[in-house]
Amino acid sequence: MPREPRGLFLLLRGLADLERASRELTACRSAPHPASPECAREVIQGIWVDEKAVANLPFALTLPEEGGGFRHVRVPETTGVNGIWMLCWLDAPARTVSRADLVAALLGGFGGEAVEAAPLAARFVPVFPGDMPQGRAEDDVRMLQRRYPGRVLSPLHLDDDGTLRLPPAYSHGGGAP
């Protein structure tokens, strides 16, 4: 019986590393993964762009819950190029971790300095499956941008094989619109 896909997120040193991370991530996810054979099915929910975070990997995230509570979710496994990009698995099914909860947890875990005060402050790139209806993805991005002004960049989409589709705005070290 197949296991439900776990939540995944990518930590990235800077947007200039996105093209490299995308290539290497595709190669990494195409190789058999002993602990998670369905790795290619698992969906990256977003990319946290933060030089401090990729150098200080989290062991757990504190996710908000309805009613004002919190739950702790372990990060049992990471893989990548230390200091440049790291793919992080959450010890929770992907359906139980919203992108908004993920941003809140990452902000809480790595500090929430004001975007205006820190031009290189951490940012979030939402990532959606390629088959997600465009309107639903746009609604999610608008909600994230309202909740976390200045933190949410243009979204990316995954191809069927788990490859990140990089539009020109993200290619060749360019910044996001």
N, C-alpha and C. Protein backbone atom coordinates (compact mmCIF):
# COMPACT_ATOMS: atom_id res chain seq x y z
N MET A 1 0.85 -1.19 0.00
CA MET A 1 0.00 0.00 0.00
C MET A 1 0.89 1.24 0.00
N PRO A 2 0.71 2.16 -0.95
CA PRO A 2 1.58 3.33 -1.00
C PRO A 2 1.33 4.25 0.18
N ARG A 3 2.42 4.80 0.64
CA ARG A 3 2.38 5.75 1.75
C ARG A 3 1.99 7.12 1.20
N GLU A 4 1.31 7.89 2.03
CA GLU A 4 0.92 9.25 1.62
C GLU A 4 2.17 10.12 1.50
N PRO A 5 2.26 10.94 0.44
CA PRO A 5 3.44 11.80 0.28
C PRO A 5 3.61 12.75 1.47
N ARG A 6 4.86 12.90 1.87
CA ARG A 6 5.18 13.83 2.96
C ARG A 6 5.34 15.24 2.41
N GLY A 7 5.23 16.20 3.33
CA GLY A 7 5.48 17.59 2.96
C GLY A 7 6.96 17.79 2.71
N LEU A 8 7.27 18.61 1.73
CA LEU A 8 8.65 18.94 1.38
C LEU A 8 8.77 20.44 1.19
N PHE A 9 9.93 20.97 1.52
CA PHE A 9 10.23 22.34 1.16
C PHE A 9 11.72 22.42 0.86
N LEU A 10 12.08 23.43 0.12
CA LEU A 10 13.46 23.63 -0.29
C LEU A 10 14.01 24.87 0.38
N LEU A 11 15.18 24.74 0.97
CA LEU A 11 15.90 25.90 1.49
C LEU A 11 16.92 26.28 0.43
N LEU A 12 17.04 27.57 0.16
CA LEU A 12 17.92 28.04 -0.90
C LEU A 12 18.70 29.25 -0.42
N ARG A 13 20.00 29.25 -0.69
CA ARG A 13 20.87 30.35 -0.24
C ARG A 13 20.44 31.68 -0.84
N GLY A 14 20.17 31.71 -2.13
CA GLY A 14 19.78 32.94 -2.81
C GLY A 14 19.17 32.61 -4.16
N LEU A 15 18.43 33.54 -4.71
CA LEU A 15 17.78 33.30 -6.01
C LEU A 15 18.79 33.00 -7.11
N ALA A 16 20.00 33.51 -6.99
CA ALA A 16 21.02 33.24 -8.00
C ALA A 16 21.36 31.74 -8.06
N ASP A 17 21.02 30.99 -7.00
CA ASP A 17 21.30 29.56 -6.95
C ASP A 17 20.13 28.70 -7.43
N LEU A 18 19.03 29.32 -7.81
CA LEU A 18 17.83 28.56 -8.14
C LEU A 18 18.00 27.66 -9.35
N GLU A 19 18.63 28.15 -10.39
CA GLU A 19 18.81 27.34 -11.60
C GLU A 19 19.66 26.11 -11.30
N ARG A 20 20.76 26.30 -10.57
CA ARG A 20 21.61 25.17 -10.18
C ARG A 20 20.84 24.20 -9.31
N ALA A 21 20.15 24.71 -8.31
CA ALA A 21 19.39 23.85 -7.40
C ALA A 21 18.34 23.05 -8.17
N SER A 22 17.70 23.67 -9.13
CA SER A 22 16.68 22.99 -9.92
C SER A 22 17.29 21.82 -10.68
N ARG A 23 18.42 22.04 -11.34
CA ARG A 23 19.09 20.96 -12.08
C ARG A 23 19.49 19.82 -11.14
N GLU A 24 20.14 20.17 -10.04
CA GLU A 24 20.64 19.15 -9.12
C GLU A 24 19.50 18.45 -8.39
N LEU A 25 18.45 19.17 -8.10
CA LEU A 25 17.29 18.59 -7.45
C LEU A 25 16.62 17.57 -8.36
N THR A 26 16.52 17.89 -9.65
CA THR A 26 15.94 16.96 -10.61
C THR A 26 16.75 15.67 -10.65
N ALA A 27 18.06 15.79 -10.67
CA ALA A 27 18.93 14.60 -10.68
C ALA A 27 18.76 13.81 -9.38
N CYS A 28 18.71 14.51 -8.27
CA CYS A 28 18.57 13.87 -6.97
C CYS A 28 17.24 13.12 -6.87
N ARG A 29 16.17 13.74 -7.33
CA ARG A 29 14.85 13.13 -7.20
C ARG A 29 14.63 12.01 -8.21
N SER A 30 15.44 11.94 -9.27
CA SER A 30 15.28 10.86 -10.24
C SER A 30 15.99 9.59 -9.79
N ALA A 31 16.91 9.70 -8.83
CA ALA A 31 17.60 8.53 -8.30
C ALA A 31 16.70 7.84 -7.28
N PRO A 32 16.77 6.51 -7.19
CA PRO A 32 15.96 5.81 -6.18
C PRO A 32 16.32 6.29 -4.78
N HIS A 33 15.31 6.49 -3.97
CA HIS A 33 15.50 6.98 -2.61
C HIS A 33 15.07 5.88 -1.65
N PRO A 34 16.01 5.28 -0.90
CA PRO A 34 15.67 4.11 -0.09
C PRO A 34 14.60 4.37 0.98
N ALA A 35 14.63 5.52 1.62
CA ALA A 35 13.68 5.78 2.69
C ALA A 35 12.33 6.25 2.14
N SER A 36 12.34 6.76 0.92
CA SER A 36 11.11 7.30 0.35
C SER A 36 11.06 6.99 -1.14
N PRO A 37 10.70 5.73 -1.49
CA PRO A 37 10.71 5.35 -2.90
C PRO A 37 9.76 6.17 -3.76
N GLU A 38 8.75 6.79 -3.15
CA GLU A 38 7.84 7.60 -3.93
C GLU A 38 8.25 9.07 -3.90
N CYS A 39 9.53 9.35 -3.69
CA CYS A 39 10.06 10.72 -3.59
C CYS A 39 9.63 11.58 -4.77
N ALA A 40 9.64 11.03 -5.97
CA ALA A 40 9.28 11.83 -7.14
C ALA A 40 7.82 12.27 -7.08
N ARG A 41 6.97 11.54 -6.35
CA ARG A 41 5.57 11.91 -6.20
C ARG A 41 5.39 13.02 -5.18
N GLU A 42 6.34 13.14 -4.28
CA GLU A 42 6.21 14.12 -3.21
C GLU A 42 6.37 15.52 -3.80
N VAL A 43 5.55 16.43 -3.34
CA VAL A 43 5.47 17.75 -3.93
C VAL A 43 6.14 18.78 -3.04
N ILE A 44 7.04 19.52 -3.63
CA ILE A 44 7.68 20.63 -2.92
C ILE A 44 6.62 21.74 -2.80
N GLN A 45 6.36 22.18 -1.58
CA GLN A 45 5.32 23.18 -1.38
C GLN A 45 5.84 24.60 -1.53
N GLY A 46 7.13 24.76 -1.37
CA GLY A 46 7.68 26.09 -1.52
C GLY A 46 9.18 26.10 -1.33
N ILE A 47 9.75 27.24 -1.63
CA ILE A 47 11.19 27.45 -1.50
C ILE A 47 11.40 28.62 -0.56
N TRP A 48 12.17 28.39 0.49
CA TRP A 48 12.50 29.43 1.45
C TRP A 48 13.89 29.94 1.07
N VAL A 49 13.96 31.18 0.63
CA VAL A 49 15.22 31.78 0.17
C VAL A 49 15.80 32.57 1.34
N ASP A 50 16.87 32.01 1.94
CA ASP A 50 17.42 32.59 3.15
C ASP A 50 18.80 31.99 3.40
N GLU A 51 19.83 32.80 3.29
CA GLU A 51 21.19 32.31 3.47
C GLU A 51 21.41 31.71 4.86
N LYS A 52 20.82 32.32 5.88
CA LYS A 52 20.98 31.80 7.25
C LYS A 52 20.33 30.43 7.41
N ALA A 53 19.16 30.26 6.82
CA ALA A 53 18.42 29.01 6.99
C ALA A 53 19.14 27.83 6.36
N VAL A 54 19.71 28.03 5.19
CA VAL A 54 20.37 26.92 4.51
C VAL A 54 21.67 26.54 5.22
N ALA A 55 22.21 27.44 6.02
CA ALA A 55 23.42 27.16 6.79
C ALA A 55 23.10 26.59 8.17
N ASN A 56 21.87 26.75 8.64
CA ASN A 56 21.45 26.29 9.97
C ASN A 56 20.18 25.48 9.82
N LEU A 57 20.31 24.27 9.36
CA LEU A 57 19.15 23.45 9.03
C LEU A 57 18.25 23.21 10.24
N PRO A 58 16.95 23.26 10.01
CA PRO A 58 16.02 23.02 11.12
C PRO A 58 15.89 21.53 11.43
N PHE A 59 15.68 21.22 12.69
CA PHE A 59 15.40 19.84 13.11
C PHE A 59 13.89 19.63 13.22
N ALA A 60 13.18 20.74 13.38
CA ALA A 60 11.71 20.70 13.49
C ALA A 60 11.18 22.09 13.16
N LEU A 61 9.91 22.14 12.83
CA LEU A 61 9.21 23.40 12.61
C LEU A 61 8.01 23.43 13.54
N THR A 62 7.67 24.63 13.99
CA THR A 62 6.49 24.82 14.81
C THR A 62 5.41 25.43 13.93
N LEU A 63 4.40 24.62 13.63
CA LEU A 63 3.34 25.03 12.73
C LEU A 63 2.13 25.49 13.52
N PRO A 64 1.49 26.57 13.06
CA PRO A 64 0.28 27.04 13.75
C PRO A 64 -0.87 26.07 13.48
N GLU A 65 -1.77 26.00 14.43
CA GLU A 65 -2.98 25.20 14.28
C GLU A 65 -4.19 26.09 14.47
N GLU A 66 -5.32 25.63 13.97
CA GLU A 66 -6.55 26.37 14.17
C GLU A 66 -6.81 26.50 15.67
N GLY A 67 -7.34 27.62 16.07
CA GLY A 67 -7.64 27.84 17.48
C GLY A 67 -6.47 28.43 18.25
N GLY A 68 -5.39 28.77 17.55
CA GLY A 68 -4.26 29.44 18.20
C GLY A 68 -3.20 28.52 18.76
N GLY A 69 -3.36 27.22 18.64
CA GLY A 69 -2.35 26.29 19.13
C GLY A 69 -1.21 26.11 18.15
N PHE A 70 -0.29 25.26 18.53
CA PHE A 70 0.87 24.96 17.69
C PHE A 70 1.13 23.47 17.72
N ARG A 71 1.75 22.98 16.66
CA ARG A 71 2.23 21.60 16.64
C ARG A 71 3.65 21.59 16.11
N HIS A 72 4.43 20.71 16.67
CA HIS A 72 5.82 20.57 16.25
C HIS A 72 5.92 19.43 15.25
N VAL A 73 6.56 19.71 14.13
CA VAL A 73 6.74 18.71 13.08
C VAL A 73 8.23 18.56 12.85
N ARG A 74 8.70 17.33 13.00
CA ARG A 74 10.13 17.06 12.79
C ARG A 74 10.52 17.19 11.33
N VAL A 75 11.78 17.52 11.12
CA VAL A 75 12.40 17.50 9.79
C VAL A 75 13.40 16.34 9.87
N PRO A 76 12.94 15.11 9.60
CA PRO A 76 13.79 13.94 9.84
C PRO A 76 14.89 13.74 8.82
N GLU A 77 14.78 14.43 7.68
CA GLU A 77 15.73 14.16 6.61
C GLU A 77 15.92 15.39 5.74
N THR A 78 17.16 15.60 5.33
CA THR A 78 17.48 16.65 4.37
C THR A 78 18.51 16.09 3.39
N THR A 79 18.53 16.65 2.21
CA THR A 79 19.55 16.29 1.24
C THR A 79 19.81 17.51 0.38
N GLY A 80 21.00 17.61 -0.16
CA GLY A 80 21.31 18.73 -1.04
C GLY A 80 22.77 19.07 -1.00
N VAL A 81 23.07 20.30 -1.33
CA VAL A 81 24.43 20.81 -1.33
C VAL A 81 24.52 21.79 -0.17
N ASN A 82 25.18 21.36 0.90
CA ASN A 82 25.22 22.14 2.13
C ASN A 82 25.66 23.58 1.86
N GLY A 83 24.89 24.52 2.38
CA GLY A 83 25.20 25.93 2.23
C GLY A 83 24.63 26.56 0.97
N ILE A 84 24.12 25.73 0.04
CA ILE A 84 23.57 26.26 -1.21
C ILE A 84 22.08 25.95 -1.32
N TRP A 85 21.72 24.67 -1.25
CA TRP A 85 20.32 24.29 -1.27
C TRP A 85 20.14 22.99 -0.50
N MET A 86 19.03 22.87 0.17
CA MET A 86 18.71 21.65 0.92
C MET A 86 17.22 21.36 0.77
N LEU A 87 16.92 20.13 0.40
CA LEU A 87 15.55 19.67 0.33
C LEU A 87 15.23 19.06 1.69
N CYS A 88 14.13 19.49 2.28
CA CYS A 88 13.77 19.07 3.64
C CYS A 88 12.43 18.34 3.62
N TRP A 89 12.42 17.15 4.21
CA TRP A 89 11.20 16.37 4.36
C TRP A 89 10.59 16.66 5.72
N LEU A 90 9.29 16.83 5.74
CA LEU A 90 8.58 17.00 7.00
C LEU A 90 8.01 15.66 7.43
N ASP A 91 7.96 15.44 8.72
CA ASP A 91 7.38 14.21 9.26
C ASP A 91 5.87 14.39 9.39
N ALA A 92 5.25 14.77 8.28
CA ALA A 92 3.81 15.02 8.23
C ALA A 92 3.35 14.88 6.79
N PRO A 93 2.14 14.37 6.58
CA PRO A 93 1.63 14.30 5.21
C PRO A 93 1.51 15.69 4.60
N ALA A 94 1.79 15.79 3.32
CA ALA A 94 1.76 17.08 2.63
C ALA A 94 0.42 17.78 2.79
N ARG A 95 -0.67 17.02 2.78
CA ARG A 95 -2.00 17.62 2.86
C ARG A 95 -2.26 18.30 4.19
N THR A 96 -1.45 18.01 5.21
CA THR A 96 -1.67 18.59 6.55
C THR A 96 -0.84 19.84 6.80
N VAL A 97 -0.04 20.25 5.81
CA VAL A 97 0.83 21.42 5.97
C VAL A 97 0.52 22.40 4.84
N SER A 98 -0.14 23.49 5.16
CA SER A 98 -0.44 24.48 4.13
C SER A 98 0.79 25.34 3.87
N ARG A 99 0.82 25.99 2.72
CA ARG A 99 1.92 26.91 2.43
C ARG A 99 1.96 28.05 3.43
N ALA A 100 0.79 28.55 3.84
CA ALA A 100 0.74 29.63 4.83
C ALA A 100 1.33 29.18 6.15
N ASP A 101 1.01 27.96 6.58
CA ASP A 101 1.59 27.42 7.82
C ASP A 101 3.09 27.26 7.69
N LEU A 102 3.54 26.83 6.52
CA LEU A 102 4.97 26.65 6.28
C LEU A 102 5.70 27.98 6.38
N VAL A 103 5.16 29.04 5.76
CA VAL A 103 5.79 30.36 5.84
C VAL A 103 5.84 30.83 7.30
N ALA A 104 4.74 30.67 8.02
CA ALA A 104 4.70 31.09 9.42
C ALA A 104 5.77 30.35 10.23
N ALA A 105 5.90 29.05 10.01
CA ALA A 105 6.88 28.26 10.75
C ALA A 105 8.31 28.66 10.39
N LEU A 106 8.56 28.90 9.11
CA LEU A 106 9.91 29.29 8.69
C LEU A 106 10.27 30.68 9.19
N LEU A 107 9.32 31.60 9.15
CA LEU A 107 9.57 32.93 9.72
C LEU A 107 9.86 32.83 11.21
N GLY A 108 9.07 32.02 11.91
CA GLY A 108 9.27 31.84 13.34
C GLY A 108 10.59 31.17 13.66
N GLY A 109 11.00 30.23 12.83
CA GLY A 109 12.23 29.49 13.09
C GLY A 109 13.50 30.22 12.72
N PHE A 110 13.40 31.11 11.75
CA PHE A 110 14.62 31.77 11.27
C PHE A 110 14.60 33.27 11.46
N GLY A 111 13.68 33.75 12.22
CA GLY A 111 13.64 35.18 12.49
C GLY A 111 12.83 35.92 11.46
N GLY A 112 12.12 36.88 11.92
CA GLY A 112 11.24 37.61 11.03
C GLY A 112 11.63 39.06 10.91
N GLU A 113 12.89 39.34 10.61
CA GLU A 113 13.28 40.74 10.45
C GLU A 113 12.43 41.40 9.38
N ALA A 114 12.16 42.64 9.58
CA ALA A 114 11.30 43.37 8.65
C ALA A 114 11.92 43.42 7.27
N VAL A 115 11.10 43.23 6.26
CA VAL A 115 11.58 43.25 4.88
C VAL A 115 12.19 44.61 4.56
N GLU A 116 11.56 45.69 5.05
CA GLU A 116 12.07 47.04 4.77
C GLU A 116 13.44 47.25 5.42
N ALA A 117 13.66 46.66 6.58
CA ALA A 117 14.91 46.85 7.30
C ALA A 117 16.03 45.97 6.76
N ALA A 118 15.67 44.90 6.09
CA ALA A 118 16.68 43.96 5.60
C ALA A 118 16.37 43.61 4.15
N PRO A 119 17.03 44.28 3.21
CA PRO A 119 16.72 44.05 1.80
C PRO A 119 16.95 42.60 1.38
N LEU A 120 17.79 41.87 2.08
CA LEU A 120 18.04 40.48 1.75
C LEU A 120 17.28 39.55 2.69
N ALA A 121 16.22 40.07 3.30
CA ALA A 121 15.41 39.26 4.22
C ALA A 121 14.86 38.04 3.49
N ALA A 122 14.57 37.01 4.26
CA ALA A 122 14.06 35.76 3.70
C ALA A 122 12.78 35.99 2.90
N ARG A 123 12.66 35.22 1.84
CA ARG A 123 11.49 35.28 0.97
C ARG A 123 10.98 33.87 0.73
N PHE A 124 9.73 33.76 0.30
CA PHE A 124 9.11 32.47 0.03
C PHE A 124 8.63 32.43 -1.42
N VAL A 125 8.97 31.35 -2.11
CA VAL A 125 8.51 31.11 -3.47
C VAL A 125 7.53 29.94 -3.41
N PRO A 126 6.24 30.20 -3.58
CA PRO A 126 5.28 29.08 -3.58
C PRO A 126 5.53 28.19 -4.80
N VAL A 127 5.40 26.89 -4.59
CA VAL A 127 5.57 25.92 -5.68
C VAL A 127 4.28 25.09 -5.77
N PHE A 128 3.78 24.94 -6.98
CA PHE A 128 2.52 24.24 -7.20
C PHE A 128 2.72 23.11 -8.21
N PRO A 129 1.95 22.04 -8.06
CA PRO A 129 1.99 20.99 -9.08
C PRO A 129 1.53 21.58 -10.42
N GLY A 130 2.12 21.11 -11.49
CA GLY A 130 1.79 21.64 -12.81
C GLY A 130 0.34 21.43 -13.20
N ASP A 131 -0.32 20.43 -12.61
CA ASP A 131 -1.70 20.16 -12.98
C ASP A 131 -2.71 20.88 -12.08
N MET A 132 -2.23 21.72 -11.16
CA MET A 132 -3.16 22.46 -10.30
C MET A 132 -3.85 23.54 -11.14
N PRO A 133 -5.15 23.69 -10.99
CA PRO A 133 -5.84 24.75 -11.74
C PRO A 133 -5.23 26.12 -11.45
N GLN A 134 -5.00 26.88 -12.52
CA GLN A 134 -4.33 28.18 -12.42
C GLN A 134 -5.03 29.10 -11.43
N GLY A 135 -6.36 29.14 -11.46
CA GLY A 135 -7.10 30.02 -10.56
C GLY A 135 -6.86 29.68 -9.09
N ARG A 136 -6.78 28.40 -8.78
CA ARG A 136 -6.54 27.99 -7.38
C ARG A 136 -5.15 28.42 -6.93
N ALA A 137 -4.14 28.24 -7.80
CA ALA A 137 -2.79 28.66 -7.46
C ALA A 137 -2.74 30.18 -7.27
N GLU A 138 -3.39 30.93 -8.15
CA GLU A 138 -3.40 32.40 -8.04
C GLU A 138 -4.06 32.84 -6.75
N ASP A 139 -5.16 32.20 -6.36
CA ASP A 139 -5.83 32.53 -5.10
C ASP A 139 -4.90 32.29 -3.92
N ASP A 140 -4.18 31.17 -3.95
CA ASP A 140 -3.25 30.84 -2.86
C ASP A 140 -2.14 31.88 -2.77
N VAL A 141 -1.59 32.29 -3.91
CA VAL A 141 -0.53 33.29 -3.93
C VAL A 141 -1.04 34.63 -3.39
N ARG A 142 -2.22 35.04 -3.81
CA ARG A 142 -2.78 36.31 -3.30
C ARG A 142 -2.97 36.26 -1.79
N MET A 143 -3.47 35.14 -1.27
CA MET A 143 -3.66 35.00 0.17
C MET A 143 -2.31 35.09 0.89
N LEU A 144 -1.29 34.43 0.35
CA LEU A 144 0.04 34.47 0.97
C LEU A 144 0.60 35.89 0.94
N GLN A 145 0.43 36.59 -0.18
CA GLN A 145 0.94 37.95 -0.30
C GLN A 145 0.25 38.90 0.67
N ARG A 146 -1.05 38.70 0.90
CA ARG A 146 -1.77 39.53 1.89
C ARG A 146 -1.27 39.23 3.30
N ARG A 147 -1.09 37.96 3.60
CA ARG A 147 -0.69 37.56 4.94
C ARG A 147 0.77 37.89 5.24
N TYR A 148 1.63 37.81 4.23
CA TYR A 148 3.07 38.03 4.41
C TYR A 148 3.57 39.05 3.39
N PRO A 149 3.18 40.32 3.54
CA PRO A 149 3.56 41.33 2.54
C PRO A 149 5.08 41.44 2.38
N GLY A 150 5.50 41.49 1.13
CA GLY A 150 6.92 41.64 0.83
C GLY A 150 7.73 40.37 0.93
N ARG A 151 7.13 39.28 1.37
CA ARG A 151 7.85 38.01 1.56
C ARG A 151 7.62 37.00 0.46
N VAL A 152 6.53 37.13 -0.28
CA VAL A 152 6.13 36.10 -1.23
C VAL A 152 6.47 36.53 -2.65
N LEU A 153 7.27 35.71 -3.32
CA LEU A 153 7.70 35.99 -4.69
C LEU A 153 6.79 35.25 -5.67
N SER A 154 7.03 35.46 -6.94
CA SER A 154 6.24 34.79 -7.99
C SER A 154 6.35 33.28 -7.85
N PRO A 155 5.24 32.58 -8.08
CA PRO A 155 5.25 31.13 -7.90
C PRO A 155 5.97 30.38 -9.01
N LEU A 156 6.31 29.15 -8.70
CA LEU A 156 6.86 28.21 -9.67
C LEU A 156 5.93 27.01 -9.74
N HIS A 157 6.09 26.23 -10.80
CA HIS A 157 5.29 25.02 -10.97
C HIS A 157 6.22 23.85 -11.22
N LEU A 158 5.74 22.66 -10.87
CA LEU A 158 6.48 21.42 -11.09
C LEU A 158 5.91 20.69 -12.29
N ASP A 159 6.80 20.14 -13.11
CA ASP A 159 6.35 19.27 -14.19
C ASP A 159 5.94 17.93 -13.58
N ASP A 160 5.37 17.07 -14.41
CA ASP A 160 4.93 15.75 -13.93
C ASP A 160 6.05 14.94 -13.30
N ASP A 161 7.28 15.13 -13.78
CA ASP A 161 8.40 14.36 -13.24
C ASP A 161 9.05 15.04 -12.02
N GLY A 162 8.46 16.13 -11.54
CA GLY A 162 8.99 16.80 -10.35
C GLY A 162 10.01 17.88 -10.65
N THR A 163 10.24 18.19 -11.93
CA THR A 163 11.18 19.23 -12.33
C THR A 163 10.55 20.60 -12.15
N LEU A 164 11.29 21.52 -11.54
CA LEU A 164 10.82 22.89 -11.40
C LEU A 164 10.85 23.59 -12.76
N ARG A 165 9.76 24.19 -13.15
CA ARG A 165 9.72 25.00 -14.37
C ARG A 165 10.18 26.40 -14.00
N LEU A 166 11.29 26.84 -14.56
CA LEU A 166 11.83 28.16 -14.25
C LEU A 166 11.53 29.13 -15.38
N PRO A 167 10.67 30.12 -15.14
CA PRO A 167 10.43 31.14 -16.16
C PRO A 167 11.67 32.04 -16.27
N PRO A 168 11.77 32.83 -17.34
CA PRO A 168 12.94 33.69 -17.54
C PRO A 168 13.27 34.58 -16.34
N ALA A 169 12.26 35.02 -15.61
CA ALA A 169 12.50 35.90 -14.46
C ALA A 169 13.38 35.22 -13.41
N TYR A 170 13.35 33.89 -13.34
CA TYR A 170 14.13 33.15 -12.35
C TYR A 170 15.40 32.53 -12.93
N SER A 171 15.53 32.51 -14.23
CA SER A 171 16.67 31.86 -14.87
C SER A 171 17.90 32.76 -14.88
N HIS A 172 19.03 32.15 -14.95
CA HIS A 172 20.32 32.84 -15.06
C HIS A 172 20.55 33.82 -13.92
N GLY A 173 20.17 33.41 -12.72
CA GLY A 173 20.45 34.23 -11.54
C GLY A 173 19.58 35.47 -11.41
N GLY A 174 18.57 35.56 -12.26
CA GLY A 174 17.70 36.73 -12.18
C GLY A 174 16.82 36.69 -10.95
N GLY A 175 16.36 37.82 -10.54
CA GLY A 175 15.45 37.88 -9.40
C GLY A 175 14.04 37.61 -9.85
N ALA A 176 13.20 37.40 -8.92
CA ALA A 176 11.80 37.14 -9.23
C ALA A 176 11.06 38.45 -9.40
N PRO A 177 10.03 38.44 -10.24
CA PRO A 177 9.23 39.65 -10.40
C PRO A 177 8.46 39.96 -9.15
